[in-house]
Amino acid sequence: MKNAHDIIRRPVLTERSYDNLANKLYTFEVAVGANKVEIKKAVEEIFDVKVAKVNTARIQGKMKRMGRYEGRLPEVKKAYVRLKPDSKGIAFFDGMIQ
């Protein structure tokens, strides 16, 4: 079994993710190989909350150039985690809700 902190890489802090905090929808960057069940267990373990639903999206890396050479940035996977209505919020995000 993977470590929960290896699955959840970092929170995604954008204007769109801030707007969703009031609806208990949190966005995280997760390991590319992680599935929804692993993500749900990791969020519940790290933040001590109840997860209702997890949606994921894989974002392909952009093409970048260094002189005449082309390469690709690494692929990332985002997880959109919705908490149950009776669950408390995630303390890390509490100061960011307007």
PDB file of N, CA and C in Angstrom:
ATOM      1  N   MET A   1       0.844  -1.195   0.000  1.00  0.00           N
ATOM      2  CA  MET A   1       0.000   0.000   0.000  1.00  0.00           C
ATOM      3  C   MET A   1       0.882   1.250   0.000  1.00  0.00           C
ATOM      4  N   LYS A   2       0.444   2.255  -0.734  1.00  0.00           N
ATOM      5  CA  LYS A   2       1.198   3.497  -0.830  1.00  0.00           C
ATOM      6  C   LYS A   2       0.957   4.365   0.399  1.00  0.00           C
ATOM      7  N   ASN A   3       1.929   5.208   0.692  1.00  0.00           N
ATOM      8  CA  ASN A   3       1.799   6.188   1.761  1.00  0.00           C
ATOM      9  C   ASN A   3       0.816   7.281   1.301  1.00  0.00           C
ATOM     10  N   ALA A   4      -0.029   7.761   2.207  1.00  0.00           N
ATOM     11  CA  ALA A   4      -1.035   8.761   1.844  1.00  0.00           C
ATOM     12  C   ALA A   4      -0.389  10.051   1.340  1.00  0.00           C
ATOM     13  N   HIS A   5       0.763  10.409   1.887  1.00  0.00           N
ATOM     14  CA  HIS A   5       1.435  11.639   1.463  1.00  0.00           C
ATOM     15  C   HIS A   5       2.118  11.471   0.116  1.00  0.00           C
ATOM     16  N   ASP A   6       2.334  10.239  -0.338  1.00  0.00           N
ATOM     17  CA  ASP A   6       2.848  10.015  -1.686  1.00  0.00           C
ATOM     18  C   ASP A   6       1.743  10.152  -2.723  1.00  0.00           C
ATOM     19  N   ILE A   7       0.508   9.882  -2.327  1.00  0.00           N
ATOM     20  CA  ILE A   7      -0.630   9.977  -3.246  1.00  0.00           C
ATOM     21  C   ILE A   7      -1.056  11.432  -3.415  1.00  0.00           C
ATOM     22  N   ILE A   8      -1.256  12.154  -2.307  1.00  0.00           N
ATOM     23  CA  ILE A   8      -1.650  13.565  -2.362  1.00  0.00           C
ATOM     24  C   ILE A   8      -0.374  14.396  -2.420  1.00  0.00           C
ATOM     25  N   ARG A   9      -0.108  15.016  -3.592  1.00  0.00           N
ATOM     26  CA  ARG A   9       1.131  15.771  -3.762  1.00  0.00           C
ATOM     27  C   ARG A   9       1.041  17.169  -3.160  1.00  0.00           C
ATOM     28  N   ARG A  10       0.020  17.945  -3.583  1.00  0.00           N
ATOM     29  CA  ARG A  10      -0.114  19.321  -3.110  1.00  0.00           C
ATOM     30  C   ARG A  10      -1.519  19.803  -3.438  1.00  0.00           C
ATOM     31  N   PRO A  11      -1.995  20.849  -2.736  1.00  0.00           N
ATOM     32  CA  PRO A  11      -3.291  21.441  -3.108  1.00  0.00           C
ATOM     33  C   PRO A  11      -3.128  22.320  -4.340  1.00  0.00           C
ATOM     34  N   VAL A  12      -4.188  22.430  -5.115  1.00  0.00           N
ATOM     35  CA  VAL A  12      -4.202  23.316  -6.270  1.00  0.00           C
ATOM     36  C   VAL A  12      -4.909  24.591  -5.843  1.00  0.00           C
ATOM     37  N   LEU A  13      -4.189  25.704  -5.854  1.00  0.00           N
ATOM     38  CA  LEU A  13      -4.715  26.980  -5.370  1.00  0.00           C
ATOM     39  C   LEU A  13      -4.899  27.939  -6.542  1.00  0.00           C
ATOM     40  N   THR A  14      -6.093  27.920  -7.121  1.00  0.00           N
ATOM     41  CA  THR A  14      -6.433  28.795  -8.237  1.00  0.00           C
ATOM     42  C   THR A  14      -7.740  29.506  -7.917  1.00  0.00           C
ATOM     43  N   GLU A  15      -8.123  30.470  -8.754  1.00  0.00           N
ATOM     44  CA  GLU A  15      -9.378  31.182  -8.531  1.00  0.00           C
ATOM     45  C   GLU A  15     -10.566  30.224  -8.585  1.00  0.00           C
ATOM     46  N   ARG A  16     -10.537  29.297  -9.506  1.00  0.00           N
ATOM     47  CA  ARG A  16     -11.642  28.345  -9.635  1.00  0.00           C
ATOM     48  C   ARG A  16     -11.725  27.440  -8.406  1.00  0.00           C
ATOM     49  N   SER A  17     -10.575  27.010  -7.900  1.00  0.00           N
ATOM     50  CA  SER A  17     -10.605  26.141  -6.711  1.00  0.00           C
ATOM     51  C   SER A  17     -11.055  26.922  -5.478  1.00  0.00           C
ATOM     52  N   TYR A  18     -10.725  28.214  -5.390  1.00  0.00           N
ATOM     53  CA  TYR A  18     -11.197  29.034  -4.275  1.00  0.00           C
ATOM     54  C   TYR A  18     -12.718  29.170  -4.302  1.00  0.00           C
ATOM     55  N   ASP A  19     -13.295  29.318  -5.505  1.00  0.00           N
ATOM     56  CA  ASP A  19     -14.750  29.451  -5.633  1.00  0.00           C
ATOM     57  C   ASP A  19     -15.474  28.192  -5.166  1.00  0.00           C
ATOM     58  N   ASN A  20     -14.846  27.033  -5.320  1.00  0.00           N
ATOM     59  CA  ASN A  20     -15.482  25.766  -4.958  1.00  0.00           C
ATOM     60  C   ASN A  20     -15.342  25.416  -3.481  1.00  0.00           C
ATOM     61  N   LEU A  21     -14.533  26.153  -2.720  1.00  0.00           N
ATOM     62  CA  LEU A  21     -14.328  25.826  -1.306  1.00  0.00           C
ATOM     63  C   LEU A  21     -15.614  25.936  -0.499  1.00  0.00           C
ATOM     64  N   ALA A  22     -16.481  26.883  -0.843  1.00  0.00           N
ATOM     65  CA  ALA A  22     -17.741  27.054  -0.114  1.00  0.00           C
ATOM     66  C   ALA A  22     -18.656  25.847  -0.292  1.00  0.00           C
ATOM     67  N   ASN A  23     -18.513  25.114  -1.393  1.00  0.00           N
ATOM     68  CA  ASN A  23     -19.323  23.923  -1.662  1.00  0.00           C
ATOM     69  C   ASN A  23     -18.647  22.641  -1.175  1.00  0.00           C
ATOM     70  N   LYS A  24     -17.587  22.786  -0.395  1.00  0.00           N
ATOM     71  CA  LYS A  24     -16.801  21.648   0.113  1.00  0.00           C
ATOM     72  C   LYS A  24     -16.232  20.802  -1.028  1.00  0.00           C
ATOM     73  N   LEU A  25     -15.754  21.467  -2.070  1.00  0.00           N
ATOM     74  CA  LEU A  25     -15.085  20.804  -3.183  1.00  0.00           C
ATOM     75  C   LEU A  25     -13.639  21.275  -3.194  1.00  0.00           C
ATOM     76  N   TYR A  26     -12.711  20.365  -2.960  1.00  0.00           N
ATOM     77  CA  TYR A  26     -11.290  20.694  -2.838  1.00  0.00           C
ATOM     78  C   TYR A  26     -10.525  20.064  -3.991  1.00  0.00           C
ATOM     79  N   THR A  27      -9.487  20.752  -4.462  1.00  0.00           N
ATOM     80  CA  THR A  27      -8.703  20.294  -5.604  1.00  0.00           C
ATOM     81  C   THR A  27      -7.278  20.006  -5.157  1.00  0.00           C
ATOM     82  N   PHE A  28      -6.764  18.825  -5.543  1.00  0.00           N
ATOM     83  CA  PHE A  28      -5.412  18.423  -5.200  1.00  0.00           C
ATOM     84  C   PHE A  28      -4.697  17.897  -6.440  1.00  0.00           C
ATOM     85  N   GLU A  29      -3.378  18.082  -6.468  1.00  0.00           N
ATOM     86  CA  GLU A  29      -2.558  17.388  -7.446  1.00  0.00           C
ATOM     87  C   GLU A  29      -2.162  16.070  -6.815  1.00  0.00           C
ATOM     88  N   VAL A  30      -2.364  14.977  -7.538  1.00  0.00           N
ATOM     89  CA  VAL A  30      -2.127  13.649  -6.984  1.00  0.00           C
ATOM     90  C   VAL A  30      -1.155  12.880  -7.879  1.00  0.00           C
ATOM     91  N   ALA A  31      -0.692  11.735  -7.388  1.00  0.00           N
ATOM     92  CA  ALA A  31       0.189  10.875  -8.169  1.00  0.00           C
ATOM     93  C   ALA A  31      -0.559  10.374  -9.400  1.00  0.00           C
ATOM     94  N   VAL A  32       0.129  10.284 -10.531  1.00  0.00           N
ATOM     95  CA  VAL A  32      -0.503   9.906 -11.793  1.00  0.00           C
ATOM     96  C   VAL A  32      -1.066   8.485 -11.728  1.00  0.00           C
ATOM     97  N   GLY A  33      -0.427   7.608 -10.988  1.00  0.00           N
ATOM     98  CA  GLY A  33      -0.880   6.221 -10.919  1.00  0.00           C
ATOM     99  C   GLY A  33      -1.942   5.953  -9.880  1.00  0.00           C
ATOM    100  N   ALA A  34      -2.368   6.963  -9.130  1.00  0.00           N
ATOM    101  CA  ALA A  34      -3.346   6.764  -8.053  1.00  0.00           C
ATOM    102  C   ALA A  34      -4.757   6.670  -8.626  1.00  0.00           C
ATOM    103  N   ASN A  35      -5.573   5.781  -8.038  1.00  0.00           N
ATOM    104  CA  ASN A  35      -6.963   5.684  -8.463  1.00  0.00           C
ATOM    105  C   ASN A  35      -7.868   6.392  -7.450  1.00  0.00           C
ATOM    106  N   LYS A  36      -9.167   6.436  -7.754  1.00  0.00           N
ATOM    107  CA  LYS A  36     -10.104   7.205  -6.927  1.00  0.00           C
ATOM    108  C   LYS A  36     -10.224   6.653  -5.512  1.00  0.00           C
ATOM    109  N   VAL A  37     -10.181   5.349  -5.364  1.00  0.00           N
ATOM    110  CA  VAL A  37     -10.299   4.733  -4.038  1.00  0.00           C
ATOM    111  C   VAL A  37      -9.092   5.095  -3.179  1.00  0.00           C
ATOM    112  N   GLU A  38      -7.891   5.035  -3.757  1.00  0.00           N
ATOM    113  CA  GLU A  38      -6.678   5.407  -3.023  1.00  0.00           C
ATOM    114  C   GLU A  38      -6.694   6.886  -2.637  1.00  0.00           C
ATOM    115  N   ILE A  39      -7.175   7.740  -3.547  1.00  0.00           N
ATOM    116  CA  ILE A  39      -7.234   9.169  -3.264  1.00  0.00           C
ATOM    117  C   ILE A  39      -8.209   9.441  -2.124  1.00  0.00           C
ATOM    118  N   LYS A  40      -9.366   8.787  -2.154  1.00  0.00           N
ATOM    119  CA  LYS A  40     -10.364   8.965  -1.102  1.00  0.00           C
ATOM    120  C   LYS A  40      -9.800   8.558   0.258  1.00  0.00           C
ATOM    121  N   LYS A  41      -9.158   7.407   0.329  1.00  0.00           N
ATOM    122  CA  LYS A  41      -8.586   6.941   1.597  1.00  0.00           C
ATOM    123  C   LYS A  41      -7.478   7.872   2.081  1.00  0.00           C
ATOM    124  N   ALA A  42      -6.660   8.384   1.155  1.00  0.00           N
ATOM    125  CA  ALA A  42      -5.557   9.266   1.533  1.00  0.00           C
ATOM    126  C   ALA A  42      -6.072  10.585   2.098  1.00  0.00           C
ATOM    127  N   VAL A  43      -7.092  11.175   1.470  1.00  0.00           N
ATOM    128  CA  VAL A  43      -7.649  12.441   1.958  1.00  0.00           C
ATOM    129  C   VAL A  43      -8.296  12.234   3.322  1.00  0.00           C
ATOM    130  N   GLU A  44      -9.035  11.137   3.486  1.00  0.00           N
ATOM    131  CA  GLU A  44      -9.675  10.855   4.774  1.00  0.00           C
ATOM    132  C   GLU A  44      -8.632  10.647   5.867  1.00  0.00           C
ATOM    133  N   GLU A  45      -7.515  10.002   5.530  1.00  0.00           N
ATOM    134  CA  GLU A  45      -6.463   9.742   6.517  1.00  0.00           C
ATOM    135  C   GLU A  45      -5.699  11.017   6.890  1.00  0.00           C
ATOM    136  N   ILE A  46      -5.340  11.812   5.910  1.00  0.00           N
ATOM    137  CA  ILE A  46      -4.513  12.997   6.171  1.00  0.00           C
ATOM    138  C   ILE A  46      -5.312  14.084   6.877  1.00  0.00           C
ATOM    139  N   PHE A  47      -6.529  14.378   6.395  1.00  0.00           N
ATOM    140  CA  PHE A  47      -7.277  15.534   6.881  1.00  0.00           C
ATOM    141  C   PHE A  47      -8.392  15.167   7.866  1.00  0.00           C
ATOM    142  N   ASP A  48      -8.641  13.887   8.103  1.00  0.00           N
ATOM    143  CA  ASP A  48      -9.648  13.418   9.049  1.00  0.00           C
ATOM    144  C   ASP A  48     -11.027  13.983   8.696  1.00  0.00           C
ATOM    145  N   VAL A  49     -11.456  13.754   7.447  1.00  0.00           N
ATOM    146  CA  VAL A  49     -12.759  14.197   6.955  1.00  0.00           C
ATOM    147  C   VAL A  49     -13.466  13.010   6.295  1.00  0.00           C
ATOM    148  N   LYS A  50     -14.742  13.200   5.922  1.00  0.00           N
ATOM    149  CA  LYS A  50     -15.514  12.177   5.222  1.00  0.00           C
ATOM    150  C   LYS A  50     -15.686  12.606   3.768  1.00  0.00           C
ATOM    151  N   VAL A  51     -15.227  11.784   2.850  1.00  0.00           N
ATOM    152  CA  VAL A  51     -15.271  12.105   1.422  1.00  0.00           C
ATOM    153  C   VAL A  51     -16.515  11.479   0.799  1.00  0.00           C
ATOM    154  N   ALA A  52     -17.271  12.285   0.036  1.00  0.00           N
ATOM    155  CA  ALA A  52     -18.462  11.788  -0.639  1.00  0.00           C
ATOM    156  C   ALA A  52     -18.128  11.294  -2.045  1.00  0.00           C
ATOM    157  N   LYS A  53     -17.287  12.042  -2.769  1.00  0.00           N
ATOM    158  CA  LYS A  53     -17.048  11.728  -4.171  1.00  0.00           C
ATOM    159  C   LYS A  53     -15.682  12.243  -4.603  1.00  0.00           C
ATOM    160  N   VAL A  54     -15.056  11.538  -5.529  1.00  0.00           N
ATOM    161  CA  VAL A  54     -13.770  11.946  -6.093  1.00  0.00           C
ATOM    162  C   VAL A  54     -13.867  11.900  -7.611  1.00  0.00           C
ATOM    163  N   ASN A  55     -13.529  13.004  -8.255  1.00  0.00           N
ATOM    164  CA  ASN A  55     -13.407  13.060  -9.716  1.00  0.00           C
ATOM    165  C   ASN A  55     -11.946  13.339 -10.039  1.00  0.00           C
ATOM    166  N   THR A  56     -11.448  12.763 -11.129  1.00  0.00           N
ATOM    167  CA  THR A  56     -10.052  12.962 -11.496  1.00  0.00           C
ATOM    168  C   THR A  56      -9.950  13.457 -12.936  1.00  0.00           C
ATOM    169  N   ALA A  57      -8.828  14.125 -13.223  1.00  0.00           N
ATOM    170  CA  ALA A  57      -8.532  14.603 -14.572  1.00  0.00           C
ATOM    171  C   ALA A  57      -7.026  14.515 -14.787  1.00  0.00           C
ATOM    172  N   ARG A  58      -6.637  13.985 -15.935  1.00  0.00           N
ATOM    173  CA  ARG A  58      -5.213  13.916 -16.292  1.00  0.00           C
ATOM    174  C   ARG A  58      -4.909  15.041 -17.263  1.00  0.00           C
ATOM    175  N   ILE A  59      -3.881  15.827 -16.939  1.00  0.00           N
ATOM    176  CA  ILE A  59      -3.493  16.954 -17.775  1.00  0.00           C
ATOM    177  C   ILE A  59      -2.148  16.625 -18.413  1.00  0.00           C
ATOM    178  N   GLN A  60      -2.133  16.602 -19.732  1.00  0.00           N
ATOM    179  CA  GLN A  60      -0.910  16.289 -20.454  1.00  0.00           C
ATOM    180  C   GLN A  60       0.058  17.458 -20.350  1.00  0.00           C
ATOM    181  N   GLY A  61       1.356  17.164 -20.262  1.00  0.00           N
ATOM    182  CA  GLY A  61       2.368  18.205 -20.142  1.00  0.00           C
ATOM    183  C   GLY A  61       2.495  19.037 -21.406  1.00  0.00           C
ATOM    184  N   LYS A  62       2.803  20.321 -21.231  1.00  0.00           N
ATOM    185  CA  LYS A  62       2.963  21.222 -22.374  1.00  0.00           C
ATOM    186  C   LYS A  62       4.302  20.985 -23.060  1.00  0.00           C
ATOM    187  N   MET A  63       4.353  21.318 -24.341  1.00  0.00           N
ATOM    188  CA  MET A  63       5.597  21.248 -25.090  1.00  0.00           C
ATOM    189  C   MET A  63       6.423  22.501 -24.773  1.00  0.00           C
ATOM    190  N   LYS A  64       7.705  22.317 -24.485  1.00  0.00           N
ATOM    191  CA  LYS A  64       8.616  23.428 -24.203  1.00  0.00           C
ATOM    192  C   LYS A  64       9.860  23.275 -25.065  1.00  0.00           C
ATOM    193  N   ARG A  65      10.495  24.412 -25.362  1.00  0.00           N
ATOM    194  CA  ARG A  65      11.714  24.381 -26.165  1.00  0.00           C
ATOM    195  C   ARG A  65      12.870  24.932 -25.376  1.00  0.00           C
ATOM    196  N   MET A  66      14.032  24.338 -25.586  1.00  0.00           N
ATOM    197  CA  MET A  66      15.301  24.853 -25.077  1.00  0.00           C
ATOM    198  C   MET A  66      16.199  24.981 -26.304  1.00  0.00           C
ATOM    199  N   GLY A  67      16.210  26.173 -26.904  1.00  0.00           N
ATOM    200  CA  GLY A  67      16.954  26.345 -28.141  1.00  0.00           C
ATOM    201  C   GLY A  67      16.281  25.580 -29.263  1.00  0.00           C
ATOM    202  N   ARG A  68      17.018  24.681 -29.898  1.00  0.00           N
ATOM    203  CA  ARG A  68      16.433  23.921 -31.001  1.00  0.00           C
ATOM    204  C   ARG A  68      15.846  22.590 -30.549  1.00  0.00           C
ATOM    205  N   TYR A  69      15.933  22.281 -29.276  1.00  0.00           N
ATOM    206  CA  TYR A  69      15.429  21.012 -28.756  1.00  0.00           C
ATOM    207  C   TYR A  69      14.044  21.194 -28.141  1.00  0.00           C
ATOM    208  N   GLU A  70      13.182  20.232 -28.388  1.00  0.00           N
ATOM    209  CA  GLU A  70      11.840  20.266 -27.827  1.00  0.00           C
ATOM    210  C   GLU A  70      11.699  19.168 -26.790  1.00  0.00           C
ATOM    211  N   GLY A  71      10.940  19.476 -25.759  1.00  0.00           N
ATOM    212  CA  GLY A  71      10.654  18.484 -24.739  1.00  0.00           C
ATOM    213  C   GLY A  71       9.264  18.721 -24.194  1.00  0.00           C
ATOM    214  N   ARG A  72       8.850  17.859 -23.315  1.00  0.00           N
ATOM    215  CA  ARG A  72       7.514  17.959 -22.764  1.00  0.00           C
ATOM    216  C   ARG A  72       7.596  18.028 -21.244  1.00  0.00           C
ATOM    217  N   LEU A  73       6.800  18.923 -20.639  1.00  0.00           N
ATOM    218  CA  LEU A  73       6.703  18.977 -19.185  1.00  0.00           C
ATOM    219  C   LEU A  73       5.995  17.725 -18.688  1.00  0.00           C
ATOM    220  N   PRO A  74       6.189  17.345 -17.437  1.00  0.00           N
ATOM    221  CA  PRO A  74       5.563  16.114 -16.966  1.00  0.00           C
ATOM    222  C   PRO A  74       4.038  16.221 -16.893  1.00  0.00           C
ATOM    223  N   GLU A  75       3.403  15.081 -17.071  1.00  0.00           N
ATOM    224  CA  GLU A  75       1.956  14.972 -16.963  1.00  0.00           C
ATOM    225  C   GLU A  75       1.551  15.074 -15.496  1.00  0.00           C
ATOM    226  N   VAL A  76       0.421  15.689 -15.217  1.00  0.00           N
ATOM    227  CA  VAL A  76      -0.081  15.784 -13.844  1.00  0.00           C
ATOM    228  C   VAL A  76      -1.501  15.247 -13.793  1.00  0.00           C
ATOM    229  N   LYS A  77      -1.919  14.866 -12.601  1.00  0.00           N
ATOM    230  CA  LYS A  77      -3.279  14.379 -12.387  1.00  0.00           C
ATOM    231  C   LYS A  77      -3.895  15.192 -11.262  1.00  0.00           C
ATOM    232  N   LYS A  78      -5.105  15.707 -11.492  1.00  0.00           N
ATOM    233  CA  LYS A  78      -5.812  16.478 -10.483  1.00  0.00           C
ATOM    234  C   LYS A  78      -6.966  15.645  -9.946  1.00  0.00           C
ATOM    235  N   ALA A  79      -7.237  15.826  -8.666  1.00  0.00           N
ATOM    236  CA  ALA A  79      -8.382  15.163  -8.037  1.00  0.00           C
ATOM    237  C   ALA A  79      -9.282  16.230  -7.448  1.00  0.00           C
ATOM    238  N   TYR A  80     -10.555  16.149  -7.794  1.00  0.00           N
ATOM    239  CA  TYR A  80     -11.575  17.046  -7.246  1.00  0.00           C
ATOM    240  C   TYR A  80     -12.335  16.251  -6.189  1.00  0.00           C
ATOM    241  N   VAL A  81     -12.153  16.624  -4.925  1.00  0.00           N
ATOM    242  CA  VAL A  81     -12.683  15.854  -3.802  1.00  0.00           C
ATOM    243  C   VAL A  81     -13.846  16.619  -3.183  1.00  0.00           C
ATOM    244  N   ARG A  82     -15.042  15.991  -3.184  1.00  0.00           N
ATOM    245  CA  ARG A  82     -16.220  16.585  -2.545  1.00  0.00           C
ATOM    246  C   ARG A  82     -16.448  15.885  -1.212  1.00  0.00           C
ATOM    247  N   LEU A  83     -16.593  16.701  -0.163  1.00  0.00           N
ATOM    248  CA  LEU A  83     -16.820  16.157   1.169  1.00  0.00           C
ATOM    249  C   LEU A  83     -18.314  15.968   1.414  1.00  0.00           C
ATOM    250  N   LYS A  84     -18.643  15.087   2.346  1.00  0.00           N
ATOM    251  CA  LYS A  84     -20.041  14.873   2.730  1.00  0.00           C
ATOM    252  C   LYS A  84     -20.545  16.120   3.460  1.00  0.00           C
ATOM    253  N   PRO A  85     -21.857  16.397   3.372  1.00  0.00           N
ATOM    254  CA  PRO A  85     -22.399  17.612   4.014  1.00  0.00           C
ATOM    255  C   PRO A  85     -22.182  17.657   5.527  1.00  0.00           C
ATOM    256  N   ASP A  86     -22.170  16.499   6.191  1.00  0.00           N
ATOM    257  CA  ASP A  86     -21.993  16.489   7.644  1.00  0.00           C
ATOM    258  C   ASP A  86     -20.531  16.488   8.059  1.00  0.00           C
ATOM    259  N   SER A  87     -19.610  16.472   7.093  1.00  0.00           N
ATOM    260  CA  SER A  87     -18.182  16.462   7.400  1.00  0.00           C
ATOM    261  C   SER A  87     -17.685  17.875   7.682  1.00  0.00           C
ATOM    262  N   LYS A  88     -16.673  17.970   8.532  1.00  0.00           N
ATOM    263  CA  LYS A  88     -16.047  19.272   8.766  1.00  0.00           C
ATOM    264  C   LYS A  88     -15.174  19.619   7.558  1.00  0.00           C
ATOM    265  N   GLY A  89     -14.822  20.890   7.421  1.00  0.00           N
ATOM    266  CA  GLY A  89     -13.974  21.316   6.315  1.00  0.00           C
ATOM    267  C   GLY A  89     -12.519  20.982   6.588  1.00  0.00           C
ATOM    268  N   ILE A  90     -11.680  21.173   5.586  1.00  0.00           N
ATOM    269  CA  ILE A  90     -10.249  20.943   5.733  1.00  0.00           C
ATOM    270  C   ILE A  90      -9.631  22.209   6.305  1.00  0.00           C
ATOM    271  N   ALA A  91      -8.927  22.071   7.425  1.00  0.00           N
ATOM    272  CA  ALA A  91      -8.418  23.218   8.181  1.00  0.00           C
ATOM    273  C   ALA A  91      -7.446  24.060   7.358  1.00  0.00           C
ATOM    274  N   PHE A  92      -6.671  23.441   6.484  1.00  0.00           N
ATOM    275  CA  PHE A  92      -5.693  24.164   5.672  1.00  0.00           C
ATOM    276  C   PHE A  92      -6.365  25.238   4.826  1.00  0.00           C
ATOM    277  N   PHE A  93      -7.572  24.979   4.333  1.00  0.00           N
ATOM    278  CA  PHE A  93      -8.268  25.890   3.429  1.00  0.00           C
ATOM    279  C   PHE A  93      -9.176  26.872   4.155  1.00  0.00           C
ATOM    280  N   ASP A  94      -9.363  26.747   5.480  1.00  0.00           N
ATOM    281  CA  ASP A  94     -10.352  27.551   6.187  1.00  0.00           C
ATOM    282  C   ASP A  94     -10.102  29.045   6.073  1.00  0.00           C
ATOM    283  N   GLY A  95      -8.876  29.502   6.082  1.00  0.00           N
ATOM    284  CA  GLY A  95      -8.581  30.931   5.992  1.00  0.00           C
ATOM    285  C   GLY A  95      -8.775  31.497   4.600  1.00  0.00           C
ATOM    286  N   MET A  96      -9.019  30.658   3.610  1.00  0.00           N
ATOM    287  CA  MET A  96      -9.120  31.108   2.230  1.00  0.00           C
ATOM    288  C   MET A  96     -10.546  31.334   1.775  1.00  0.00           C
ATOM    289  N   ILE A  97     -11.527  30.919   2.582  1.00  0.00           N
ATOM    290  CA  ILE A  97     -12.928  31.109   2.207  1.00  0.00           C
ATOM    291  C   ILE A  97     -13.329  32.533   2.566  1.00  0.00           C
ATOM    292  N   GLN A  98     -13.981  33.208   1.644  1.00  0.00           N
ATOM    293  CA  GLN A  98     -14.369  34.610   1.859  1.00  0.00           C
ATOM    294  C   GLN A  98     -15.645  34.682   2.659  1.00  0.00           C
TER     295      GLN A  98
END
